[in-house]
Amino acid sequence: MGETHEVPQDHTLAEFRVYPGYTTKRQTFSSIHVLNTPEIVLEKERIEHIEERLQAIEGRGNYAYADMVELCLVSNVVIPPKFKEPNFDKYKGTTCPKNHLKMYCRKMGAYTKDEKLLMHFFQESLVGVAITWYTNLEPSWVHSWKDLMATFIR
């Protein structure tokens, strides 16, 4: 019977090719490149993102939101002493915005003459991407309830 011999393979790094899903660092240990798996790269990006968010929250010494009036879409809102906020159906951004406006106006029917109150409490009828949209509105874009309705429908 004939014997089979394994041919010795060259295991040097000269023949090493990096798998496309991996990245290499510029660090070497004993002439061996350190590989980053996609999970490690994603984890590093996630940590960097969290650090950026913390710096934004802490303000990096910049207190841009020190004036609470700047945070409000509508300033000088007067809430009547016995006002009770209606229980709104929440708009998520996935249904007809016109129908949501109709339902909102019907619930706020007693206050339809008070545009600032309508604009201020509109946020209470929003959730998810819709509330994110509302909080990102610039006060300079919206001057009236009609402006807010038109912007919301768009």
N, C-alpha and C. Protein backbone atom coordinates (compact mmCIF):
# COMPACT_ATOMS: atom_id res chain seq x y z
N MET A 1 0.84 -1.16 0.00
CA MET A 1 0.00 0.00 0.00
C MET A 1 0.90 1.23 0.00
N GLY A 2 0.50 2.22 -0.75
CA GLY A 2 1.29 3.44 -0.81
C GLY A 2 0.96 4.39 0.32
N GLU A 3 1.98 5.04 0.79
CA GLU A 3 1.77 6.03 1.84
C GLU A 3 1.47 7.38 1.20
N THR A 4 0.56 8.12 1.86
CA THR A 4 0.27 9.48 1.38
C THR A 4 0.96 10.47 2.30
N HIS A 5 1.57 11.39 1.72
CA HIS A 5 2.24 12.44 2.49
C HIS A 5 1.56 13.76 2.22
N GLU A 6 1.32 14.51 3.30
CA GLU A 6 0.75 15.85 3.13
C GLU A 6 1.84 16.78 2.65
N VAL A 7 1.48 17.60 1.72
CA VAL A 7 2.42 18.60 1.25
C VAL A 7 2.40 19.74 2.26
N PRO A 8 3.56 20.14 2.78
CA PRO A 8 3.57 21.24 3.76
C PRO A 8 3.05 22.53 3.11
N GLN A 9 2.17 23.22 3.85
CA GLN A 9 1.60 24.47 3.34
C GLN A 9 2.36 25.65 3.93
N ASP A 10 2.48 26.68 3.13
CA ASP A 10 3.14 27.90 3.57
C ASP A 10 2.14 28.73 4.37
N HIS A 11 2.35 28.91 5.67
CA HIS A 11 1.42 29.66 6.52
C HIS A 11 1.95 31.05 6.85
N THR A 12 2.76 31.60 6.01
CA THR A 12 3.28 32.94 6.28
C THR A 12 2.23 33.97 5.90
N LEU A 13 2.41 35.16 6.40
CA LEU A 13 1.45 36.24 6.12
C LEU A 13 1.54 36.76 4.69
N ALA A 14 2.57 36.38 3.98
CA ALA A 14 2.72 36.84 2.61
C ALA A 14 1.55 36.36 1.75
N GLU A 15 1.02 35.20 2.06
CA GLU A 15 -0.09 34.64 1.29
C GLU A 15 -1.46 34.97 1.92
N PHE A 16 -1.47 35.69 3.02
CA PHE A 16 -2.70 35.97 3.76
C PHE A 16 -3.52 37.04 3.06
N ARG A 17 -4.78 36.75 2.82
CA ARG A 17 -5.70 37.73 2.23
C ARG A 17 -6.80 38.00 3.26
N VAL A 18 -7.11 39.26 3.44
CA VAL A 18 -8.12 39.65 4.42
C VAL A 18 -9.49 39.35 3.84
N TYR A 19 -10.34 38.72 4.64
CA TYR A 19 -11.73 38.45 4.24
C TYR A 19 -12.44 39.79 4.05
N PRO A 20 -13.25 39.95 2.99
CA PRO A 20 -13.88 41.25 2.70
C PRO A 20 -14.71 41.82 3.85
N GLY A 21 -15.26 41.01 4.73
CA GLY A 21 -16.07 41.50 5.84
C GLY A 21 -15.26 42.00 7.02
N TYR A 22 -13.95 41.96 6.92
CA TYR A 22 -13.10 42.35 8.03
C TYR A 22 -12.25 43.55 7.63
N THR A 23 -11.83 44.31 8.61
CA THR A 23 -10.90 45.40 8.36
C THR A 23 -9.65 45.13 9.17
N THR A 24 -8.53 45.66 8.70
CA THR A 24 -7.30 45.47 9.46
C THR A 24 -6.92 46.78 10.11
N LYS A 25 -6.33 46.67 11.28
CA LYS A 25 -5.78 47.84 11.95
C LYS A 25 -4.35 47.99 11.49
N ARG A 26 -3.76 49.08 11.80
CA ARG A 26 -2.35 49.30 11.48
C ARG A 26 -1.45 48.75 12.58
N GLN A 27 -2.03 48.15 13.60
CA GLN A 27 -1.23 47.58 14.67
C GLN A 27 -0.81 46.17 14.30
N THR A 28 0.38 45.81 14.72
CA THR A 28 0.81 44.43 14.54
C THR A 28 1.38 43.92 15.84
N PHE A 29 1.18 42.67 16.08
CA PHE A 29 1.74 42.00 17.23
C PHE A 29 2.51 40.81 16.70
N SER A 30 3.79 40.79 16.91
CA SER A 30 4.65 39.70 16.42
C SER A 30 4.45 39.49 14.93
N SER A 31 4.38 40.57 14.17
CA SER A 31 4.22 40.55 12.72
C SER A 31 2.86 40.01 12.27
N ILE A 32 1.87 39.95 13.14
CA ILE A 32 0.54 39.46 12.76
C ILE A 32 -0.43 40.63 12.85
N HIS A 33 -1.17 40.87 11.77
CA HIS A 33 -2.15 41.95 11.77
C HIS A 33 -3.32 41.61 12.69
N VAL A 34 -3.84 42.62 13.38
CA VAL A 34 -5.00 42.43 14.23
C VAL A 34 -6.24 42.72 13.39
N LEU A 35 -7.16 41.80 13.40
CA LEU A 35 -8.38 41.96 12.61
C LEU A 35 -9.51 42.49 13.47
N ASN A 36 -10.33 43.30 12.86
CA ASN A 36 -11.56 43.76 13.51
C ASN A 36 -12.72 43.08 12.83
N THR A 37 -13.49 42.33 13.57
CA THR A 37 -14.69 41.74 12.99
C THR A 37 -15.72 42.84 12.82
N PRO A 38 -16.71 42.65 11.96
CA PRO A 38 -17.76 43.67 11.79
C PRO A 38 -18.43 44.02 13.11
N GLU A 39 -18.57 43.06 14.01
CA GLU A 39 -19.21 43.33 15.30
C GLU A 39 -18.38 44.31 16.12
N ILE A 40 -17.05 44.15 16.09
CA ILE A 40 -16.18 45.05 16.85
C ILE A 40 -16.24 46.45 16.26
N VAL A 41 -16.23 46.54 14.95
CA VAL A 41 -16.31 47.84 14.29
C VAL A 41 -17.63 48.52 14.63
N LEU A 42 -18.74 47.78 14.57
CA LEU A 42 -20.05 48.34 14.91
C LEU A 42 -20.09 48.77 16.37
N GLU A 43 -19.50 47.99 17.24
CA GLU A 43 -19.47 48.34 18.66
C GLU A 43 -18.71 49.65 18.88
N LYS A 44 -17.58 49.81 18.20
CA LYS A 44 -16.80 51.05 18.32
C LYS A 44 -17.62 52.24 17.82
N GLU A 45 -18.31 52.07 16.68
CA GLU A 45 -19.15 53.13 16.14
C GLU A 45 -20.28 53.47 17.11
N ARG A 46 -20.85 52.45 17.73
CA ARG A 46 -21.93 52.66 18.70
C ARG A 46 -21.44 53.45 19.91
N ILE A 47 -20.26 53.10 20.40
CA ILE A 47 -19.67 53.82 21.54
C ILE A 47 -19.38 55.27 21.16
N GLU A 48 -18.83 55.48 19.97
CA GLU A 48 -18.56 56.85 19.51
C GLU A 48 -19.85 57.65 19.40
N HIS A 49 -20.91 57.01 18.90
CA HIS A 49 -22.21 57.66 18.78
C HIS A 49 -22.75 58.05 20.16
N ILE A 50 -22.63 57.15 21.12
CA ILE A 50 -23.10 57.42 22.49
C ILE A 50 -22.30 58.58 23.09
N GLU A 51 -21.00 58.59 22.87
CA GLU A 51 -20.17 59.68 23.39
C GLU A 51 -20.58 61.02 22.77
N GLU A 52 -20.86 61.03 21.47
CA GLU A 52 -21.31 62.26 20.81
C GLU A 52 -22.64 62.74 21.39
N ARG A 53 -23.56 61.79 21.63
CA ARG A 53 -24.87 62.14 22.21
C ARG A 53 -24.70 62.72 23.61
N LEU A 54 -23.82 62.11 24.42
CA LEU A 54 -23.58 62.63 25.76
C LEU A 54 -23.00 64.03 25.71
N GLN A 55 -22.08 64.27 24.80
CA GLN A 55 -21.51 65.61 24.67
C GLN A 55 -22.59 66.61 24.25
N ALA A 56 -23.49 66.18 23.37
CA ALA A 56 -24.58 67.06 22.95
C ALA A 56 -25.52 67.36 24.11
N ILE A 57 -25.82 66.34 24.91
CA ILE A 57 -26.71 66.53 26.06
C ILE A 57 -26.05 67.43 27.09
N GLU A 58 -24.77 67.18 27.35
CA GLU A 58 -24.05 67.98 28.34
C GLU A 58 -23.77 69.38 27.82
N GLY A 59 -23.83 69.57 26.54
CA GLY A 59 -23.70 70.90 25.96
C GLY A 59 -22.29 71.37 25.69
N ARG A 60 -21.29 70.57 26.02
CA ARG A 60 -19.89 70.95 25.79
C ARG A 60 -19.61 72.36 26.31
N GLY A 61 -20.28 72.74 27.38
CA GLY A 61 -20.08 74.08 27.93
C GLY A 61 -20.91 75.12 27.23
N ASN A 62 -21.64 74.74 26.19
CA ASN A 62 -22.48 75.67 25.44
C ASN A 62 -23.92 75.47 25.89
N TYR A 63 -24.48 76.45 26.53
CA TYR A 63 -25.84 76.32 27.04
C TYR A 63 -26.81 77.04 26.12
N ALA A 64 -26.97 76.48 24.91
CA ALA A 64 -27.84 77.08 23.90
C ALA A 64 -29.30 77.06 24.32
N TYR A 65 -29.67 76.13 25.20
CA TYR A 65 -31.06 76.02 25.59
C TYR A 65 -31.31 76.62 26.98
N ALA A 66 -30.47 77.55 27.39
CA ALA A 66 -30.66 78.16 28.70
C ALA A 66 -31.96 78.97 28.74
N ASP A 67 -32.37 79.50 27.62
CA ASP A 67 -33.60 80.28 27.55
C ASP A 67 -34.73 79.35 27.14
N MET A 68 -35.63 79.06 28.05
CA MET A 68 -36.73 78.11 27.80
C MET A 68 -37.65 78.58 26.68
N VAL A 69 -37.75 79.87 26.47
CA VAL A 69 -38.63 80.38 25.41
C VAL A 69 -38.17 79.89 24.05
N GLU A 70 -36.86 79.70 23.88
CA GLU A 70 -36.33 79.22 22.61
C GLU A 70 -36.78 77.79 22.31
N LEU A 71 -37.13 77.04 23.33
CA LEU A 71 -37.55 75.65 23.14
C LEU A 71 -39.00 75.53 22.71
N CYS A 72 -39.78 76.56 22.89
CA CYS A 72 -41.21 76.50 22.59
C CYS A 72 -41.50 76.86 21.15
N LEU A 73 -42.43 76.14 20.55
CA LEU A 73 -42.87 76.49 19.20
C LEU A 73 -43.73 77.74 19.26
N VAL A 74 -44.55 77.83 20.30
CA VAL A 74 -45.46 78.96 20.46
C VAL A 74 -45.14 79.63 21.79
N SER A 75 -44.88 80.91 21.75
CA SER A 75 -44.60 81.61 23.00
C SER A 75 -45.86 82.31 23.50
N ASN A 76 -45.85 82.65 24.76
CA ASN A 76 -46.94 83.38 25.41
C ASN A 76 -48.29 82.68 25.31
N VAL A 77 -48.30 81.39 25.46
CA VAL A 77 -49.55 80.63 25.47
C VAL A 77 -50.23 80.86 26.82
N VAL A 78 -51.51 81.20 26.77
CA VAL A 78 -52.28 81.37 28.00
C VAL A 78 -53.22 80.17 28.10
N ILE A 79 -53.02 79.37 29.13
CA ILE A 79 -53.87 78.20 29.34
C ILE A 79 -54.97 78.59 30.32
N PRO A 80 -56.22 78.46 29.90
CA PRO A 80 -57.33 78.83 30.79
C PRO A 80 -57.25 78.09 32.12
N PRO A 81 -57.67 78.74 33.22
CA PRO A 81 -57.53 78.15 34.56
C PRO A 81 -58.19 76.78 34.70
N LYS A 82 -59.31 76.54 34.09
CA LYS A 82 -59.99 75.26 34.25
C LYS A 82 -59.84 74.36 33.02
N PHE A 83 -58.81 74.62 32.23
CA PHE A 83 -58.59 73.83 31.02
C PHE A 83 -58.23 72.40 31.39
N LYS A 84 -58.92 71.47 30.75
CA LYS A 84 -58.60 70.05 30.93
C LYS A 84 -58.26 69.50 29.55
N GLU A 85 -57.06 69.02 29.43
CA GLU A 85 -56.59 68.50 28.15
C GLU A 85 -57.42 67.29 27.75
N PRO A 86 -58.00 67.32 26.54
CA PRO A 86 -58.76 66.15 26.07
C PRO A 86 -57.85 64.94 25.88
N ASN A 87 -58.44 63.77 25.88
CA ASN A 87 -57.70 62.54 25.62
C ASN A 87 -57.65 62.36 24.10
N PHE A 88 -56.47 62.62 23.51
CA PHE A 88 -56.33 62.59 22.06
C PHE A 88 -55.97 61.21 21.56
N ASP A 89 -56.47 60.88 20.35
CA ASP A 89 -55.94 59.73 19.63
C ASP A 89 -54.57 60.17 19.13
N LYS A 90 -53.59 59.34 19.28
CA LYS A 90 -52.22 59.72 18.92
C LYS A 90 -51.94 59.42 17.46
N TYR A 91 -51.36 60.40 16.78
CA TYR A 91 -50.98 60.26 15.37
C TYR A 91 -49.54 59.79 15.30
N LYS A 92 -49.31 58.68 14.57
CA LYS A 92 -47.98 58.07 14.47
C LYS A 92 -47.29 58.39 13.14
N GLY A 93 -48.01 59.00 12.23
CA GLY A 93 -47.42 59.29 10.93
C GLY A 93 -47.77 58.27 9.87
N THR A 94 -48.65 57.33 10.19
CA THR A 94 -48.96 56.25 9.23
C THR A 94 -50.38 56.32 8.70
N THR A 95 -51.18 57.26 9.18
CA THR A 95 -52.56 57.38 8.71
C THR A 95 -52.76 58.75 8.07
N CYS A 96 -53.96 59.05 7.69
CA CYS A 96 -54.25 60.30 6.99
C CYS A 96 -54.10 61.51 7.93
N PRO A 97 -53.23 62.44 7.62
CA PRO A 97 -53.04 63.61 8.49
C PRO A 97 -54.28 64.51 8.53
N LYS A 98 -55.04 64.58 7.44
CA LYS A 98 -56.25 65.41 7.43
C LYS A 98 -57.28 64.87 8.41
N ASN A 99 -57.44 63.56 8.46
CA ASN A 99 -58.38 62.97 9.42
C ASN A 99 -57.93 63.24 10.85
N HIS A 100 -56.64 63.18 11.08
CA HIS A 100 -56.13 63.46 12.43
C HIS A 100 -56.44 64.91 12.81
N LEU A 101 -56.22 65.83 11.89
CA LEU A 101 -56.52 67.24 12.17
C LEU A 101 -58.01 67.45 12.48
N LYS A 102 -58.88 66.78 11.73
CA LYS A 102 -60.32 66.89 11.98
C LYS A 102 -60.65 66.41 13.39
N MET A 103 -60.11 65.27 13.77
CA MET A 103 -60.38 64.73 15.10
C MET A 103 -59.80 65.63 16.20
N TYR A 104 -58.64 66.17 15.96
CA TYR A 104 -58.01 67.07 16.93
C TYR A 104 -58.87 68.32 17.12
N CYS A 105 -59.30 68.90 16.01
CA CYS A 105 -60.11 70.12 16.08
C CYS A 105 -61.45 69.85 16.76
N ARG A 106 -62.03 68.70 16.55
CA ARG A 106 -63.30 68.37 17.20
C ARG A 106 -63.12 68.26 18.71
N LYS A 107 -62.00 67.66 19.13
CA LYS A 107 -61.75 67.54 20.58
C LYS A 107 -61.41 68.88 21.21
N MET A 108 -60.83 69.77 20.43
CA MET A 108 -60.45 71.10 20.93
C MET A 108 -61.49 72.15 20.53
N GLY A 109 -62.66 71.71 20.15
CA GLY A 109 -63.71 72.59 19.63
C GLY A 109 -63.98 73.83 20.46
N ALA A 110 -63.95 73.72 21.76
CA ALA A 110 -64.23 74.87 22.63
C ALA A 110 -63.14 75.93 22.56
N TYR A 111 -61.99 75.59 21.98
CA TYR A 111 -60.86 76.51 21.97
C TYR A 111 -60.41 76.87 20.55
N THR A 112 -61.28 76.72 19.58
CA THR A 112 -60.89 76.96 18.19
C THR A 112 -60.52 78.41 17.91
N LYS A 113 -60.94 79.32 18.76
CA LYS A 113 -60.59 80.75 18.56
C LYS A 113 -59.20 81.07 19.13
N ASP A 114 -58.62 80.17 19.91
CA ASP A 114 -57.32 80.40 20.53
C ASP A 114 -56.24 79.62 19.78
N GLU A 115 -55.67 80.27 18.75
CA GLU A 115 -54.68 79.60 17.90
C GLU A 115 -53.46 79.12 18.67
N LYS A 116 -52.97 79.93 19.59
CA LYS A 116 -51.78 79.54 20.35
C LYS A 116 -52.02 78.28 21.17
N LEU A 117 -53.21 78.19 21.76
CA LEU A 117 -53.54 77.01 22.54
C LEU A 117 -53.65 75.78 21.64
N LEU A 118 -54.28 75.95 20.48
CA LEU A 118 -54.38 74.84 19.51
C LEU A 118 -52.99 74.37 19.08
N MET A 119 -52.12 75.32 18.79
CA MET A 119 -50.77 74.98 18.34
C MET A 119 -49.96 74.32 19.45
N HIS A 120 -50.10 74.83 20.65
CA HIS A 120 -49.32 74.30 21.77
C HIS A 120 -49.72 72.88 22.12
N PHE A 121 -51.00 72.60 22.19
CA PHE A 121 -51.45 71.27 22.60
C PHE A 121 -51.48 70.26 21.46
N PHE A 122 -51.21 70.70 20.24
CA PHE A 122 -51.17 69.76 19.11
C PHE A 122 -50.11 68.68 19.35
N GLN A 123 -49.02 69.04 20.00
CA GLN A 123 -47.96 68.06 20.29
C GLN A 123 -48.46 66.91 21.14
N GLU A 124 -49.49 67.14 21.94
CA GLU A 124 -50.03 66.08 22.80
C GLU A 124 -50.77 65.01 22.02
N SER A 125 -51.05 65.29 20.76
CA SER A 125 -51.76 64.31 19.92
C SER A 125 -50.81 63.54 19.01
N LEU A 126 -49.50 63.71 19.21
CA LEU A 126 -48.51 63.09 18.33
C LEU A 126 -47.62 62.13 19.10
N VAL A 127 -47.15 61.09 18.42
CA VAL A 127 -46.16 60.16 18.97
C VAL A 127 -45.19 59.75 17.86
N GLY A 128 -44.10 59.13 18.26
CA GLY A 128 -43.14 58.56 17.30
C GLY A 128 -42.54 59.60 16.38
N VAL A 129 -42.51 59.28 15.09
CA VAL A 129 -41.91 60.19 14.12
C VAL A 129 -42.66 61.50 14.03
N ALA A 130 -43.95 61.48 14.33
CA ALA A 130 -44.75 62.70 14.26
C ALA A 130 -44.33 63.70 15.34
N ILE A 131 -44.06 63.22 16.56
CA ILE A 131 -43.62 64.15 17.61
C ILE A 131 -42.21 64.63 17.33
N THR A 132 -41.39 63.78 16.73
CA THR A 132 -40.05 64.21 16.34
C THR A 132 -40.14 65.32 15.31
N TRP A 133 -41.05 65.17 14.36
CA TRP A 133 -41.28 66.22 13.36
C TRP A 133 -41.67 67.52 14.06
N TYR A 134 -42.62 67.44 14.97
CA TYR A 134 -43.11 68.64 15.66
C TYR A 134 -42.00 69.32 16.45
N THR A 135 -41.22 68.56 17.18
CA THR A 135 -40.17 69.16 18.01
C THR A 135 -39.05 69.76 17.17
N ASN A 136 -38.93 69.35 15.92
CA ASN A 136 -37.90 69.91 15.04
C ASN A 136 -38.38 71.10 14.22
N LEU A 137 -39.65 71.46 14.39
CA LEU A 137 -40.15 72.64 13.68
C LEU A 137 -39.48 73.89 14.24
N GLU A 138 -39.12 74.79 13.37
CA GLU A 138 -38.57 76.08 13.79
C GLU A 138 -39.72 77.05 13.98
N PRO A 139 -39.72 77.80 15.08
CA PRO A 139 -40.81 78.77 15.30
C PRO A 139 -40.96 79.76 14.15
N SER A 140 -39.88 80.04 13.45
CA SER A 140 -39.95 80.99 12.33
C SER A 140 -40.72 80.42 11.13
N TRP A 141 -40.94 79.11 11.10
CA TRP A 141 -41.68 78.49 10.01
C TRP A 141 -43.18 78.52 10.25
N VAL A 142 -43.59 78.62 11.51
CA VAL A 142 -45.00 78.48 11.86
C VAL A 142 -45.45 79.71 12.64
N HIS A 143 -46.35 80.49 12.04
CA HIS A 143 -46.82 81.72 12.68
C HIS A 143 -48.28 81.65 13.11
N SER A 144 -48.99 80.65 12.60
CA SER A 144 -50.42 80.55 12.90
C SER A 144 -50.84 79.08 12.90
N TRP A 145 -52.04 78.84 13.37
CA TRP A 145 -52.60 77.49 13.35
C TRP A 145 -52.72 77.01 11.91
N LYS A 146 -53.07 77.92 11.01
CA LYS A 146 -53.19 77.57 9.59
C LYS A 146 -51.83 77.12 9.04
N ASP A 147 -50.76 77.82 9.41
CA ASP A 147 -49.40 77.42 8.98
C ASP A 147 -49.06 76.02 9.50
N LEU A 148 -49.39 75.77 10.77
CA LEU A 148 -49.08 74.47 11.36
C LEU A 148 -49.85 73.36 10.66
N MET A 149 -51.13 73.60 10.37
CA MET A 149 -51.94 72.58 9.67
C MET A 149 -51.35 72.29 8.28
N ALA A 150 -51.02 73.35 7.54
CA ALA A 150 -50.48 73.18 6.18
C ALA A 150 -49.14 72.42 6.23
N THR A 151 -48.29 72.76 7.18
CA THR A 151 -47.01 72.10 7.32
C THR A 151 -47.20 70.63 7.71
N PHE A 152 -48.13 70.39 8.61
CA PHE A 152 -48.42 69.01 9.05
C PHE A 152 -48.90 68.15 7.89
N ILE A 153 -49.78 68.67 7.07
CA ILE A 153 -50.31 67.90 5.95
C ILE A 153 -49.22 67.63 4.91
N ARG A 154 -48.33 68.61 4.72
CA ARG A 154 -47.21 68.40 3.79
C ARG A 154 -46.32 67.32 4.30
